[in-house]
């Protein structure tokens, strides 16, 4: 079970780092998507910081489970909110990404709890 925890945590952490990088560098596609959802540009750096903290927490949580659990819970909340923003803004074209990451974060949470 721990091998699956490592695999999902590292995969998800890599995705989160990439997503944070795209926000910080103001990737045009990302900026346009957030603009459609009504998210101000000034939120991109703090959102990127949350993603990086989540990635770091997932990886650190491989050594100390409470950090990994806390990071996974935070990511579930973050991506549930992201999905909610897409639903509220009726932005269906990009809704798959936050749903997939929400599911991955939930899997990471369950795996981290069960592999203690």
PDB file of N, CA and C in Angstrom:
ATOM      1  N   UNK A   1       0.825  -1.192   0.000  1.00  0.00           N
ATOM      2  CA  UNK A   1       0.000   0.000   0.000  1.00  0.00           C
ATOM      3  C   UNK A   1       0.871   1.259   0.000  1.00  0.00           C
ATOM      4  N   UNK A   2       2.023   1.177   0.693  1.00  0.00           N
ATOM      5  CA  UNK A   2       2.872   2.364   0.767  1.00  0.00           C
ATOM      6  C   UNK A   2       3.459   2.719  -0.595  1.00  0.00           C
ATOM      7  N   UNK A   3       3.724   1.722  -1.422  1.00  0.00           N
ATOM      8  CA  UNK A   3       4.258   2.003  -2.765  1.00  0.00           C
ATOM      9  C   UNK A   3       3.244   2.799  -3.576  1.00  0.00           C
ATOM     10  N   UNK A   4       1.975   2.451  -3.459  1.00  0.00           N
ATOM     11  CA  UNK A   4       0.923   3.211  -4.148  1.00  0.00           C
ATOM     12  C   UNK A   4       0.847   4.630  -3.599  1.00  0.00           C
ATOM     13  N   UNK A   5       1.024   4.772  -2.293  1.00  0.00           N
ATOM     14  CA  UNK A   5       1.021   6.103  -1.671  1.00  0.00           C
ATOM     15  C   UNK A   5       2.150   6.954  -2.240  1.00  0.00           C
ATOM     16  N   UNK A   6       3.330   6.367  -2.343  1.00  0.00           N
ATOM     17  CA  UNK A   6       4.475   7.091  -2.901  1.00  0.00           C
ATOM     18  C   UNK A   6       4.203   7.481  -4.341  1.00  0.00           C
ATOM     19  N   UNK A   7       3.709   6.551  -5.136  1.00  0.00           N
ATOM     20  CA  UNK A   7       3.464   6.817  -6.557  1.00  0.00           C
ATOM     21  C   UNK A   7       2.454   7.939  -6.753  1.00  0.00           C
ATOM     22  N   UNK A   8       1.325   7.867  -6.064  1.00  0.00           N
ATOM     23  CA  UNK A   8       0.289   8.903  -6.216  1.00  0.00           C
ATOM     24  C   UNK A   8       0.778  10.233  -5.675  1.00  0.00           C
ATOM     25  N   UNK A   9       1.447  10.223  -4.532  1.00  0.00           N
ATOM     26  CA  UNK A   9       1.926  11.477  -3.932  1.00  0.00           C
ATOM     27  C   UNK A   9       2.940  12.176  -4.828  1.00  0.00           C
ATOM     28  N   UNK A  10       3.869  11.418  -5.381  1.00  0.00           N
ATOM     29  CA  UNK A  10       4.892  12.013  -6.246  1.00  0.00           C
ATOM     30  C   UNK A  10       4.276  12.496  -7.560  1.00  0.00           C
ATOM     31  N   UNK A  11       3.380  11.692  -8.144  1.00  0.00           N
ATOM     32  CA  UNK A  11       2.688  12.100  -9.373  1.00  0.00           C
ATOM     33  C   UNK A  11       1.897  13.388  -9.154  1.00  0.00           C
ATOM     34  N   UNK A  12       1.127  13.413  -8.083  1.00  0.00           N
ATOM     35  CA  UNK A  12       0.318  14.593  -7.785  1.00  0.00           C
ATOM     36  C   UNK A  12       1.193  15.799  -7.467  1.00  0.00           C
ATOM     37  N   UNK A  13       2.268  15.606  -6.720  1.00  0.00           N
ATOM     38  CA  UNK A  13       3.176  16.712  -6.398  1.00  0.00           C
ATOM     39  C   UNK A  13       3.791  17.288  -7.667  1.00  0.00           C
ATOM     40  N   UNK A  14       4.162  16.436  -8.596  1.00  0.00           N
ATOM     41  CA  UNK A  14       4.707  16.917  -9.869  1.00  0.00           C
ATOM     42  C   UNK A  14       3.695  17.745 -10.641  1.00  0.00           C
ATOM     43  N   UNK A  15       2.462  17.270 -10.692  1.00  0.00           N
ATOM     44  CA  UNK A  15       1.412  18.026 -11.374  1.00  0.00           C
ATOM     45  C   UNK A  15       1.184  19.373 -10.695  1.00  0.00           C
ATOM     46  N   UNK A  16       1.174  19.386  -9.372  1.00  0.00           N
ATOM     47  CA  UNK A  16       0.937  20.627  -8.629  1.00  0.00           C
ATOM     48  C   UNK A  16       2.050  21.640  -8.880  1.00  0.00           C
ATOM     49  N   UNK A  17       3.289  21.159  -8.939  1.00  0.00           N
ATOM     50  CA  UNK A  17       4.419  22.056  -9.229  1.00  0.00           C
ATOM     51  C   UNK A  17       4.294  22.643 -10.632  1.00  0.00           C
ATOM     52  N   UNK A  18       3.903  21.814 -11.596  1.00  0.00           N
ATOM     53  CA  UNK A  18       3.716  22.302 -12.953  1.00  0.00           C
ATOM     54  C   UNK A  18       2.590  23.349 -13.008  1.00  0.00           C
ATOM     55  N   UNK A  19       1.506  23.067 -12.325  1.00  0.00           N
ATOM     56  CA  UNK A  19       0.381  23.998 -12.297  1.00  0.00           C
ATOM     57  C   UNK A  19       0.776  25.321 -11.641  1.00  0.00           C
ATOM     58  N   UNK A  20       1.534  25.242 -10.557  1.00  0.00           N
ATOM     59  CA  UNK A  20       2.011  26.454  -9.882  1.00  0.00           C
ATOM     60  C   UNK A  20       2.915  27.265 -10.806  1.00  0.00           C
ATOM     61  N   UNK A  21       3.794  26.578 -11.525  1.00  0.00           N
ATOM     62  CA  UNK A  21       4.689  27.251 -12.475  1.00  0.00           C
ATOM     63  C   UNK A  21       3.885  27.997 -13.543  1.00  0.00           C
ATOM     64  N   UNK A  22       2.849  27.361 -14.070  1.00  0.00           N
ATOM     65  CA  UNK A  22       2.020  28.004 -15.106  1.00  0.00           C
ATOM     66  C   UNK A  22       1.305  29.241 -14.560  1.00  0.00           C
ATOM     67  N   UNK A  23       0.910  29.192 -13.296  1.00  0.00           N
ATOM     68  CA  UNK A  23       0.253  30.355 -12.687  1.00  0.00           C
ATOM     69  C   UNK A  23       1.253  31.497 -12.494  1.00  0.00           C
ATOM     70  N   UNK A  24       2.418  31.182 -11.948  1.00  0.00           N
ATOM     71  CA  UNK A  24       3.424  32.205 -11.654  1.00  0.00           C
ATOM     72  C   UNK A  24       3.934  32.862 -12.939  1.00  0.00           C
ATOM     73  N   UNK A  25       4.089  32.073 -13.986  1.00  0.00           N
ATOM     74  CA  UNK A  25       4.593  32.612 -15.258  1.00  0.00           C
ATOM     75  C   UNK A  25       3.484  33.228 -16.116  1.00  0.00           C
ATOM     76  N   UNK A  26       2.268  33.206 -15.586  1.00  0.00           N
ATOM     77  CA  UNK A  26       1.113  33.811 -16.260  1.00  0.00           C
ATOM     78  C   UNK A  26       0.896  33.227 -17.664  1.00  0.00           C
ATOM     79  N   UNK A  27       0.885  31.904 -17.719  1.00  0.00           N
ATOM     80  CA  UNK A  27       0.574  31.214 -18.964  1.00  0.00           C
ATOM     81  C   UNK A  27      -0.758  31.739 -19.496  1.00  0.00           C
ATOM     82  N   UNK A  28      -0.789  32.093 -20.769  1.00  0.00           N
ATOM     83  CA  UNK A  28      -1.966  32.741 -21.360  1.00  0.00           C
ATOM     84  C   UNK A  28      -3.235  31.911 -21.193  1.00  0.00           C
ATOM     85  N   UNK A  29      -3.133  30.600 -21.407  1.00  0.00           N
ATOM     86  CA  UNK A  29      -4.311  29.749 -21.281  1.00  0.00           C
ATOM     87  C   UNK A  29      -4.840  29.743 -19.842  1.00  0.00           C
ATOM     88  N   UNK A  30      -3.938  29.713 -18.886  1.00  0.00           N
ATOM     89  CA  UNK A  30      -4.326  29.718 -17.472  1.00  0.00           C
ATOM     90  C   UNK A  30      -4.985  31.047 -17.111  1.00  0.00           C
ATOM     91  N   UNK A  31      -4.375  32.144 -17.526  1.00  0.00           N
ATOM     92  CA  UNK A  31      -4.911  33.469 -17.213  1.00  0.00           C
ATOM     93  C   UNK A  31      -6.305  33.630 -17.813  1.00  0.00           C
ATOM     94  N   UNK A  32      -6.485  33.200 -19.055  1.00  0.00           N
ATOM     95  CA  UNK A  32      -7.797  33.310 -19.703  1.00  0.00           C
ATOM     96  C   UNK A  32      -8.849  32.478 -18.967  1.00  0.00           C
ATOM     97  N   UNK A  33      -8.467  31.277 -18.555  1.00  0.00           N
ATOM     98  CA  UNK A  33      -9.403  30.413 -17.846  1.00  0.00           C
ATOM     99  C   UNK A  33      -9.821  31.034 -16.516  1.00  0.00           C
ATOM    100  N   UNK A  34      -8.862  31.560 -15.778  1.00  0.00           N
ATOM    101  CA  UNK A  34      -9.177  32.185 -14.485  1.00  0.00           C
ATOM    102  C   UNK A  34      -9.998  33.467 -14.676  1.00  0.00           C
ATOM    103  N   UNK A  35      -9.709  34.201 -15.737  1.00  0.00           N
ATOM    104  CA  UNK A  35     -10.475  35.414 -16.014  1.00  0.00           C
ATOM    105  C   UNK A  35     -11.933  35.075 -16.281  1.00  0.00           C
ATOM    106  N   UNK A  36     -12.181  34.026 -17.062  1.00  0.00           N
ATOM    107  CA  UNK A  36     -13.556  33.582 -17.339  1.00  0.00           C
ATOM    108  C   UNK A  36     -14.293  33.224 -16.060  1.00  0.00           C
ATOM    109  N   UNK A  37     -13.558  32.706 -15.089  1.00  0.00           N
ATOM    110  CA  UNK A  37     -14.173  32.287 -13.831  1.00  0.00           C
ATOM    111  C   UNK A  37     -14.329  33.438 -12.835  1.00  0.00           C
ATOM    112  N   UNK A  38     -13.804  34.605 -13.192  1.00  0.00           N
ATOM    113  CA  UNK A  38     -13.906  35.758 -12.303  1.00  0.00           C
ATOM    114  C   UNK A  38     -12.840  35.792 -11.219  1.00  0.00           C
ATOM    115  N   UNK A  39     -11.778  35.013 -11.395  1.00  0.00           N
ATOM    116  CA  UNK A  39     -10.686  35.000 -10.423  1.00  0.00           C
ATOM    117  C   UNK A  39      -9.697  36.095 -10.815  1.00  0.00           C
ATOM    118  N   UNK A  40      -9.437  37.051  -9.921  1.00  0.00           N
ATOM    119  CA  UNK A  40      -8.520  38.141 -10.250  1.00  0.00           C
ATOM    120  C   UNK A  40      -7.080  37.656 -10.439  1.00  0.00           C
ATOM    121  N   UNK A  41      -6.363  38.347 -11.278  1.00  0.00           N
ATOM    122  CA  UNK A  41      -4.959  38.024 -11.546  1.00  0.00           C
ATOM    123  C   UNK A  41      -4.130  38.042 -10.261  1.00  0.00           C
ATOM    124  N   UNK A  42      -4.491  38.894  -9.332  1.00  0.00           N
ATOM    125  CA  UNK A  42      -3.726  39.013  -8.081  1.00  0.00           C
ATOM    126  C   UNK A  42      -3.806  37.747  -7.228  1.00  0.00           C
ATOM    127  N   UNK A  43      -4.725  36.841  -7.530  1.00  0.00           N
ATOM    128  CA  UNK A  43      -4.850  35.600  -6.780  1.00  0.00           C
ATOM    129  C   UNK A  43      -3.908  34.511  -7.294  1.00  0.00           C
ATOM    130  N   UNK A  44      -3.345  34.682  -8.484  1.00  0.00           N
ATOM    131  CA  UNK A  44      -2.571  33.594  -9.086  1.00  0.00           C
ATOM    132  C   UNK A  44      -1.341  33.207  -8.261  1.00  0.00           C
ATOM    133  N   UNK A  45      -0.593  34.173  -7.783  1.00  0.00           N
ATOM    134  CA  UNK A  45       0.595  33.838  -6.982  1.00  0.00           C
ATOM    135  C   UNK A  45       0.224  33.165  -5.658  1.00  0.00           C
ATOM    136  N   UNK A  46      -0.766  33.672  -4.906  1.00  0.00           N
ATOM    137  CA  UNK A  46      -1.158  32.956  -3.686  1.00  0.00           C
ATOM    138  C   UNK A  46      -1.698  31.551  -3.968  1.00  0.00           C
ATOM    139  N   UNK A  47      -2.437  31.385  -5.057  1.00  0.00           N
ATOM    140  CA  UNK A  47      -2.920  30.046  -5.403  1.00  0.00           C
ATOM    141  C   UNK A  47      -1.761  29.127  -5.760  1.00  0.00           C
ATOM    142  N   UNK A  48      -0.758  29.667  -6.450  1.00  0.00           N
ATOM    143  CA  UNK A  48       0.439  28.886  -6.768  1.00  0.00           C
ATOM    144  C   UNK A  48       1.160  28.483  -5.489  1.00  0.00           C
ATOM    145  N   UNK A  49       1.219  29.376  -4.526  1.00  0.00           N
ATOM    146  CA  UNK A  49       1.871  29.067  -3.250  1.00  0.00           C
ATOM    147  C   UNK A  49       1.148  27.937  -2.521  1.00  0.00           C
ATOM    148  N   UNK A  50      -0.172  27.948  -2.573  1.00  0.00           N
ATOM    149  CA  UNK A  50      -0.955  26.872  -1.950  1.00  0.00           C
ATOM    150  C   UNK A  50      -0.644  25.532  -2.628  1.00  0.00           C
ATOM    151  N   UNK A  51      -0.557  25.554  -3.954  1.00  0.00           N
ATOM    152  CA  UNK A  51      -0.241  24.323  -4.683  1.00  0.00           C
ATOM    153  C   UNK A  51       1.155  23.806  -4.320  1.00  0.00           C
ATOM    154  N   UNK A  52       2.118  24.715  -4.221  1.00  0.00           N
ATOM    155  CA  UNK A  52       3.476  24.303  -3.847  1.00  0.00           C
ATOM    156  C   UNK A  52       3.521  23.770  -2.417  1.00  0.00           C
ATOM    157  N   UNK A  53       2.768  24.390  -1.527  1.00  0.00           N
ATOM    158  CA  UNK A  53       2.701  23.898  -0.146  1.00  0.00           C
ATOM    159  C   UNK A  53       2.079  22.501  -0.113  1.00  0.00           C
ATOM    160  N   UNK A  54       1.048  22.300  -0.921  1.00  0.00           N
ATOM    161  CA  UNK A  54       0.425  20.981  -1.001  1.00  0.00           C
ATOM    162  C   UNK A  54       1.388  19.940  -1.532  1.00  0.00           C
ATOM    163  N   UNK A  55       2.136  20.299  -2.576  1.00  0.00           N
ATOM    164  CA  UNK A  55       3.118  19.377  -3.147  1.00  0.00           C
ATOM    165  C   UNK A  55       4.188  19.025  -2.116  1.00  0.00           C
ATOM    166  N   UNK A  56       4.698  20.039  -1.438  1.00  0.00           N
ATOM    167  CA  UNK A  56       5.708  19.799  -0.408  1.00  0.00           C
ATOM    168  C   UNK A  56       5.171  18.962   0.735  1.00  0.00           C
ATOM    169  N   UNK A  57       3.934  19.221   1.113  1.00  0.00           N
ATOM    170  CA  UNK A  57       3.308  18.453   2.189  1.00  0.00           C
ATOM    171  C   UNK A  57       3.102  16.994   1.825  1.00  0.00           C
ATOM    172  N   UNK A  58       2.715  16.744   0.583  1.00  0.00           N
ATOM    173  CA  UNK A  58       2.545  15.351   0.140  1.00  0.00           C
ATOM    174  C   UNK A  58       3.860  14.590   0.202  1.00  0.00           C
ATOM    175  N   UNK A  59       4.918  15.232  -0.270  1.00  0.00           N
ATOM    176  CA  UNK A  59       6.228  14.570  -0.277  1.00  0.00           C
ATOM    177  C   UNK A  59       6.760  14.414   1.151  1.00  0.00           C
ATOM    178  N   UNK A  60       6.668  15.465   1.956  1.00  0.00           N
ATOM    179  CA  UNK A  60       7.118  15.373   3.353  1.00  0.00           C
ATOM    180  C   UNK A  60       6.278  14.352   4.118  1.00  0.00           C
ATOM    181  N   UNK A  61       5.029  14.223   3.726  1.00  0.00           N
ATOM    182  CA  UNK A  61       4.133  13.277   4.379  1.00  0.00           C
ATOM    183  C   UNK A  61       4.501  11.830   4.161  1.00  0.00           C
ATOM    184  N   UNK A  62       5.392  11.571   3.230  1.00  0.00           N
ATOM    185  CA  UNK A  62       5.870  10.200   3.046  1.00  0.00           C
ATOM    186  C   UNK A  62       6.747   9.778   4.217  1.00  0.00           C
ATOM    187  N   UNK A  63       7.336  10.753   4.914  1.00  0.00           N
ATOM    188  CA  UNK A  63       8.164  10.477   6.080  1.00  0.00           C
ATOM    189  C   UNK A  63       7.403  10.678   7.383  1.00  0.00           C
ATOM    190  N   UNK A  64       6.484  11.621   7.394  1.00  0.00           N
ATOM    191  CA  UNK A  64       5.682  11.865   8.590  1.00  0.00           C
ATOM    192  C   UNK A  64       4.228  11.985   8.156  1.00  0.00           C
ATOM    193  N   UNK A  65       3.464  10.946   8.382  1.00  0.00           N
ATOM    194  CA  UNK A  65       2.104  10.814   7.868  1.00  0.00           C
ATOM    195  C   UNK A  65       1.182  12.002   8.168  1.00  0.00           C
ATOM    196  N   UNK A  66       1.199  12.595   9.368  1.00  0.00           N
ATOM    197  CA  UNK A  66       0.273  13.704   9.625  1.00  0.00           C
ATOM    198  C   UNK A  66       0.410  14.873   8.640  1.00  0.00           C
ATOM    199  N   UNK A  67       1.629  15.140   8.188  1.00  0.00           N
ATOM    200  CA  UNK A  67       1.812  16.217   7.207  1.00  0.00           C
ATOM    201  C   UNK A  67       1.179  15.818   5.874  1.00  0.00           C
ATOM    202  N   UNK A  68       1.372  14.585   5.468  1.00  0.00           N
ATOM    203  CA  UNK A  68       0.778  14.114   4.222  1.00  0.00           C
ATOM    204  C   UNK A  68      -0.736  14.122   4.269  1.00  0.00           C
ATOM    205  N   UNK A  69      -1.281  13.737   5.396  1.00  0.00           N
ATOM    206  CA  UNK A  69      -2.742  13.749   5.559  1.00  0.00           C
ATOM    207  C   UNK A  69      -3.262  15.177   5.508  1.00  0.00           C
ATOM    208  N   UNK A  70      -2.606  16.079   6.227  1.00  0.00           N
ATOM    209  CA  UNK A  70      -3.032  17.484   6.220  1.00  0.00           C
ATOM    210  C   UNK A  70      -2.943  18.077   4.817  1.00  0.00           C
ATOM    211  N   UNK A  71      -1.859  17.771   4.104  1.00  0.00           N
ATOM    212  CA  UNK A  71      -1.705  18.287   2.743  1.00  0.00           C
ATOM    213  C   UNK A  71      -2.794  17.744   1.833  1.00  0.00           C
ATOM    214  N   UNK A  72      -3.073  16.455   1.939  1.00  0.00           N
ATOM    215  CA  UNK A  72      -4.107  15.858   1.090  1.00  0.00           C
ATOM    216  C   UNK A  72      -5.482  16.437   1.404  1.00  0.00           C
ATOM    217  N   UNK A  73      -5.786  16.647   2.678  1.00  0.00           N
ATOM    218  CA  UNK A  73      -7.069  17.269   3.045  1.00  0.00           C
ATOM    219  C   UNK A  73      -7.159  18.673   2.448  1.00  0.00           C
ATOM    220  N   UNK A  74      -6.082  19.446   2.588  1.00  0.00           N
ATOM    221  CA  UNK A  74      -6.061  20.792   2.014  1.00  0.00           C
ATOM    222  C   UNK A  74      -6.259  20.781   0.512  1.00  0.00           C
ATOM    223  N   UNK A  75      -5.655  19.824  -0.168  1.00  0.00           N
ATOM    224  CA  UNK A  75      -5.800  19.742  -1.623  1.00  0.00           C
ATOM    225  C   UNK A  75      -7.209  19.314  -2.022  1.00  0.00           C
ATOM    226  N   UNK A  76      -7.817  18.435  -1.249  1.00  0.00           N
ATOM    227  CA  UNK A  76      -9.213  18.061  -1.528  1.00  0.00           C
ATOM    228  C   UNK A  76     -10.096  19.300  -1.423  1.00  0.00           C
ATOM    229  N   UNK A  77      -9.897  20.091  -0.383  1.00  0.00           N
ATOM    230  CA  UNK A  77     -10.686  21.318  -0.207  1.00  0.00           C
ATOM    231  C   UNK A  77     -10.413  22.298  -1.353  1.00  0.00           C
ATOM    232  N   UNK A  78      -9.139  22.489  -1.698  1.00  0.00           N
ATOM    233  CA  UNK A  78      -8.742  23.416  -2.769  1.00  0.00           C
ATOM    234  C   UNK A  78      -9.412  23.027  -4.086  1.00  0.00           C
ATOM    235  N   UNK A  79      -9.331  21.753  -4.449  1.00  0.00           N
ATOM    236  CA  UNK A  79      -9.856  21.343  -5.751  1.00  0.00           C
ATOM    237  C   UNK A  79     -11.367  21.169  -5.741  1.00  0.00           C
ATOM    238  N   UNK A  80     -11.971  20.950  -4.584  1.00  0.00           N
ATOM    239  CA  UNK A  80     -13.430  20.989  -4.492  1.00  0.00           C
ATOM    240  C   UNK A  80     -13.901  22.424  -4.749  1.00  0.00           C
ATOM    241  N   UNK A  81     -13.193  23.396  -4.182  1.00  0.00           N
ATOM    242  CA  UNK A  81     -13.520  24.805  -4.428  1.00  0.00           C
ATOM    243  C   UNK A  81     -13.296  25.171  -5.892  1.00  0.00           C
ATOM    244  N   UNK A  82     -12.213  24.675  -6.478  1.00  0.00           N
ATOM    245  CA  UNK A  82     -11.934  24.948  -7.895  1.00  0.00           C
ATOM    246  C   UNK A  82     -13.052  24.385  -8.771  1.00  0.00           C
ATOM    247  N   UNK A  83     -13.495  23.183  -8.452  1.00  0.00           N
ATOM    248  CA  UNK A  83     -14.606  22.589  -9.199  1.00  0.00           C
ATOM    249  C   UNK A  83     -15.865  23.421  -9.018  1.00  0.00           C
ATOM    250  N   UNK A  84     -16.084  23.881  -7.803  1.00  0.00           N
ATOM    251  CA  UNK A  84     -17.245  24.744  -7.537  1.00  0.00           C
ATOM    252  C   UNK A  84     -17.202  26.038  -8.325  1.00  0.00           C
ATOM    253  N   UNK A  85     -16.018  26.628  -8.461  1.00  0.00           N
ATOM    254  CA  UNK A  85     -15.879  27.844  -9.266  1.00  0.00           C
ATOM    255  C   UNK A  85     -16.239  27.578 -10.720  1.00  0.00           C
ATOM    256  N   UNK A  86     -15.842  26.427 -11.231  1.00  0.00           N
ATOM    257  CA  UNK A  86     -16.177  26.079 -12.613  1.00  0.00           C
ATOM    258  C   UNK A  86     -17.686  25.897 -12.781  1.00  0.00           C
ATOM    259  N   UNK A  87     -18.315  25.241 -11.824  1.00  0.00           N
ATOM    260  CA  UNK A  87     -19.768  25.040 -11.890  1.00  0.00           C
ATOM    261  C   UNK A  87     -20.477  26.382 -11.785  1.00  0.00           C
ATOM    262  N   UNK A  88     -20.070  27.195 -10.815  1.00  0.00           N
ATOM    263  CA  UNK A  88     -20.693  28.512 -10.618  1.00  0.00           C
ATOM    264  C   UNK A  88     -20.555  29.387 -11.861  1.00  0.00           C
ATOM    265  N   UNK A  89     -19.373  29.338 -12.495  1.00  0.00           N
ATOM    266  CA  UNK A  89     -19.129  30.142 -13.685  1.00  0.00           C
ATOM    267  C   UNK A  89     -19.586  29.486 -14.967  1.00  0.00           C
ATOM    268  N   UNK A  90     -20.193  28.310 -14.849  1.00  0.00           N
ATOM    269  CA  UNK A  90     -20.658  27.548 -16.016  1.00  0.00           C
ATOM    270  C   UNK A  90     -19.557  27.382 -17.061  1.00  0.00           C
ATOM    271  N   UNK A  91     -18.354  27.126 -16.569  1.00  0.00           N
ATOM    272  CA  UNK A  91     -17.185  26.924 -17.422  1.00  0.00           C
ATOM    273  C   UNK A  91     -16.945  25.422 -17.525  1.00  0.00           C
ATOM    274  N   UNK A  92     -17.624  24.814 -18.468  1.00  0.00           N
ATOM    275  CA  UNK A  92     -17.597  23.358 -18.584  1.00  0.00           C
ATOM    276  C   UNK A  92     -16.393  22.853 -19.374  1.00  0.00           C
ATOM    277  N   UNK A  93     -15.788  23.695 -20.185  1.00  0.00           N
ATOM    278  CA  UNK A  93     -14.716  23.221 -21.061  1.00  0.00           C
ATOM    279  C   UNK A  93     -13.457  22.816 -20.290  1.00  0.00           C
ATOM    280  N   UNK A  94     -13.232  23.387 -19.127  1.00  0.00           N
ATOM    281  CA  UNK A  94     -12.024  23.074 -18.356  1.00  0.00           C
ATOM    282  C   UNK A  94     -12.315  22.411 -17.019  1.00  0.00           C
ATOM    283  N   UNK A  95     -13.526  21.915 -16.830  1.00  0.00           N
ATOM    284  CA  UNK A  95     -13.899  21.379 -15.512  1.00  0.00           C
ATOM    285  C   UNK A  95     -13.263  20.016 -15.220  1.00  0.00           C
ATOM    286  N   UNK A  96     -12.845  19.315 -16.248  1.00  0.00           N
ATOM    287  CA  UNK A  96     -12.278  17.979 -16.026  1.00  0.00           C
ATOM    288  C   UNK A  96     -10.999  18.035 -15.195  1.00  0.00           C
ATOM    289  N   UNK A  97     -10.164  19.032 -15.423  1.00  0.00           N
ATOM    290  CA  UNK A  97      -8.876  19.106 -14.717  1.00  0.00           C
ATOM    291  C   UNK A  97      -9.045  19.174 -13.195  1.00  0.00           C
ATOM    292  N   UNK A  98      -9.841  20.108 -12.662  1.00  0.00           N
ATOM    293  CA  UNK A  98      -9.961  20.127 -11.197  1.00  0.00           C
ATOM    294  C   UNK A  98     -10.657  18.883 -10.638  1.00  0.00           C
ATOM    295  N   UNK A  99     -11.553  18.273 -11.415  1.00  0.00           N
ATOM    296  CA  UNK A  99     -12.216  17.055 -10.935  1.00  0.00           C
ATOM    297  C   UNK A  99     -11.211  15.905 -10.845  1.00  0.00           C
ATOM    298  N   UNK A 100     -10.378  15.760 -11.867  1.00  0.00           N
ATOM    299  CA  UNK A 100      -9.373  14.689 -11.862  1.00  0.00           C
ATOM    300  C   UNK A 100      -8.388  14.888 -10.705  1.00  0.00           C
ATOM    301  N   UNK A 101      -7.939  16.115 -10.502  1.00  0.00           N
ATOM    302  CA  UNK A 101      -6.985  16.364  -9.420  1.00  0.00           C
ATOM    303  C   UNK A 101      -7.666  16.200  -8.055  1.00  0.00           C
ATOM    304  N   UNK A 102      -8.926  16.576  -7.958  1.00  0.00           N
ATOM    305  CA  UNK A 102      -9.689  16.344  -6.729  1.00  0.00           C
ATOM    306  C   UNK A 102      -9.730  14.854  -6.411  1.00  0.00           C
ATOM    307  N   UNK A 103     -10.002  14.045  -7.410  1.00  0.00           N
ATOM    308  CA  UNK A 103     -10.037  12.595  -7.202  1.00  0.00           C
ATOM    309  C   UNK A 103      -8.660  12.054  -6.823  1.00  0.00           C
ATOM    310  N   UNK A 104      -7.606  12.547  -7.480  1.00  0.00           N
ATOM    311  CA  UNK A 104      -6.244  12.121  -7.127  1.00  0.00           C
ATOM    312  C   UNK A 104      -5.894  12.512  -5.693  1.00  0.00           C
ATOM    313  N   UNK A 105      -6.300  13.715  -5.287  1.00  0.00           N
ATOM    314  CA  UNK A 105      -6.036  14.159  -3.914  1.00  0.00           C
ATOM    315  C   UNK A 105      -6.799  13.286  -2.911  1.00  0.00           C
ATOM    316  N   UNK A 106      -8.026  12.920  -3.253  1.00  0.00           N
ATOM    317  CA  UNK A 106      -8.805  12.039  -2.376  1.00  0.00           C
ATOM    318  C   UNK A 106      -8.149  10.662  -2.272  1.00  0.00           C
ATOM    319  N   UNK A 107      -7.660  10.155  -3.391  1.00  0.00           N
ATOM    320  CA  UNK A 107      -6.954   8.868  -3.379  1.00  0.00           C
ATOM    321  C   UNK A 107      -5.682   8.978  -2.538  1.00  0.00           C
ATOM    322  N   UNK A 108      -4.944  10.073  -2.698  1.00  0.00           N
ATOM    323  CA  UNK A 108      -3.728  10.279  -1.904  1.00  0.00           C
ATOM    324  C   UNK A 108      -4.061  10.302  -0.414  1.00  0.00           C
ATOM    325  N   UNK A 109      -5.167  10.938  -0.063  1.00  0.00           N
ATOM    326  CA  UNK A 109      -5.587  11.002   1.332  1.00  0.00           C
ATOM    327  C   UNK A 109      -5.898   9.604   1.874  1.00  0.00           C
ATOM    328  N   UNK A 110      -6.700   8.857   1.137  1.00  0.00           N
ATOM    329  CA  UNK A 110      -7.078   7.509   1.581  1.00  0.00           C
ATOM    330  C   UNK A 110      -5.843   6.607   1.688  1.00  0.00           C
ATOM    331  N   UNK A 111      -4.982   6.679   0.690  1.00  0.00           N
ATOM    332  CA  UNK A 111      -3.771   5.857   0.712  1.00  0.00           C
ATOM    333  C   UNK A 111      -2.863   6.223   1.882  1.00  0.00           C
ATOM    334  N   UNK A 112      -2.716   7.530   2.135  1.00  0.00           N
ATOM    335  CA  UNK A 112      -1.833   7.960   3.234  1.00  0.00           C
ATOM    336  C   UNK A 112      -2.394   7.485   4.578  1.00  0.00           C
ATOM    337  N   UNK A 113      -3.705   7.555   4.732  1.00  0.00           N
ATOM    338  CA  UNK A 113      -4.330   7.122   5.998  1.00  0.00           C
ATOM    339  C   UNK A 113      -4.178   5.611   6.165  1.00  0.00           C
ATOM    340  N   UNK A 114      -4.414   4.859   5.087  1.00  0.00           N
ATOM    341  CA  UNK A 114      -4.403   3.399   5.209  1.00  0.00           C
ATOM    342  C   UNK A 114      -2.996   2.809   5.252  1.00  0.00           C
ATOM    343  N   UNK A 115      -1.989   3.584   4.864  1.00  0.00           N
ATOM    344  CA  UNK A 115      -0.633   3.033   4.867  1.00  0.00           C
ATOM    345  C   UNK A 115       0.166   3.453   6.097  1.00  0.00           C
ATOM    346  N   UNK A 116      -0.517   3.954   7.099  1.00  0.00           N
ATOM    347  CA  UNK A 116       0.178   4.372   8.335  1.00  0.00           C
ATOM    348  C   UNK A 116       0.648   3.173   9.125  1.00  0.00           C
TER     349      UNK A 116
END
